Protein backbone atom coordinates (compact mmCIF):
# COMPACT_ATOMS: atom_id res chain seq x y z
CA UNK A 1 121.75 104.77 90.26
CA UNK A 2 124.91 104.70 92.65
CA UNK A 3 125.72 105.03 96.25
CA UNK A 4 124.22 103.87 99.07
CA UNK A 5 123.66 100.88 101.26
CA UNK A 6 123.16 97.52 99.42
CA UNK A 7 123.21 93.86 99.95
CA UNK A 8 124.83 91.24 97.71
CA UNK A 9 122.74 88.72 97.98
CA UNK A 10 123.98 86.42 95.30
CA UNK A 11 127.35 86.32 93.33
CA UNK A 12 128.91 89.32 92.50
CA UNK A 13 128.48 92.78 91.70
CA UNK A 14 128.83 93.41 87.62
CA UNK A 15 129.04 96.43 85.24
CA UNK A 16 125.67 95.56 83.85
CA UNK A 17 122.47 95.89 85.76
CA UNK A 18 118.64 95.19 85.73
CA UNK A 19 117.25 97.42 88.25
CA UNK A 20 113.67 96.73 89.90
CA UNK A 21 112.24 99.43 91.73
CA UNK A 22 110.40 98.99 95.23
CA UNK A 23 108.71 101.52 98.00
CA UNK A 24 111.56 101.18 100.13
CA UNK A 25 114.64 99.15 100.90
CA UNK A 26 112.71 96.97 103.82
CA UNK A 27 110.09 96.05 101.38
CA UNK A 28 112.77 95.06 98.81
CA UNK A 29 114.40 92.75 101.59
CA UNK A 30 111.33 91.37 102.40
CA UNK A 31 110.18 90.73 99.29
CA UNK A 32 113.45 88.76 98.06
CA UNK A 33 112.91 86.79 101.59
CA UNK A 34 109.53 85.71 100.61
CA UNK A 35 107.86 82.62 99.98
CA UNK A 36 106.33 83.70 97.08
CA UNK A 37 109.80 84.75 95.68
CA UNK A 38 111.12 81.43 96.38
CA UNK A 39 109.43 79.82 93.59
CA UNK A 40 110.25 82.25 91.08
CA UNK A 41 114.05 82.28 92.29
CA UNK A 42 114.16 78.18 92.03
CA UNK A 43 113.21 79.13 88.34
CA UNK A 44 115.22 81.25 87.66
CA UNK A 45 118.49 79.79 89.23
CA UNK A 46 118.25 76.62 87.03
CA UNK A 47 117.59 78.63 83.69
CA UNK A 48 120.42 81.17 84.27
CA UNK A 49 123.57 82.90 85.91
CA UNK A 50 123.29 86.12 87.79
CA UNK A 51 123.74 87.97 90.52
CA UNK A 52 121.17 89.79 92.99
CA UNK A 53 122.19 93.14 95.10
CA UNK A 54 119.59 95.13 97.17
CA UNK A 55 120.70 98.70 96.98
CA UNK A 56 119.22 101.35 99.09
CA UNK A 57 118.03 104.09 96.40
CA UNK A 58 119.22 107.79 96.01
CA UNK A 59 116.07 110.10 96.73
CA UNK A 60 117.41 113.16 95.97
CA UNK A 61 117.95 115.86 93.16
CA UNK A 62 118.50 113.89 89.68
CA UNK A 63 120.54 115.02 86.50
CA UNK A 64 117.48 116.35 84.78
CA UNK A 65 116.63 118.39 87.98
CA UNK A 66 119.84 120.75 87.16
């Protein structure tokens, strides 16, 4: 994945990335701000160091489509 709109929610953009896919950008932003995720975030923050970005995906041709 590359390009598109994104928001760095925590920390810095890094060279290694774990991607969690949502139906669309708005849903990802809403999920990040949800009360359900707040509980998981609190656990994650005391147990790990990481950065979170919400990045708009690319829905065009993929390399395998060429």
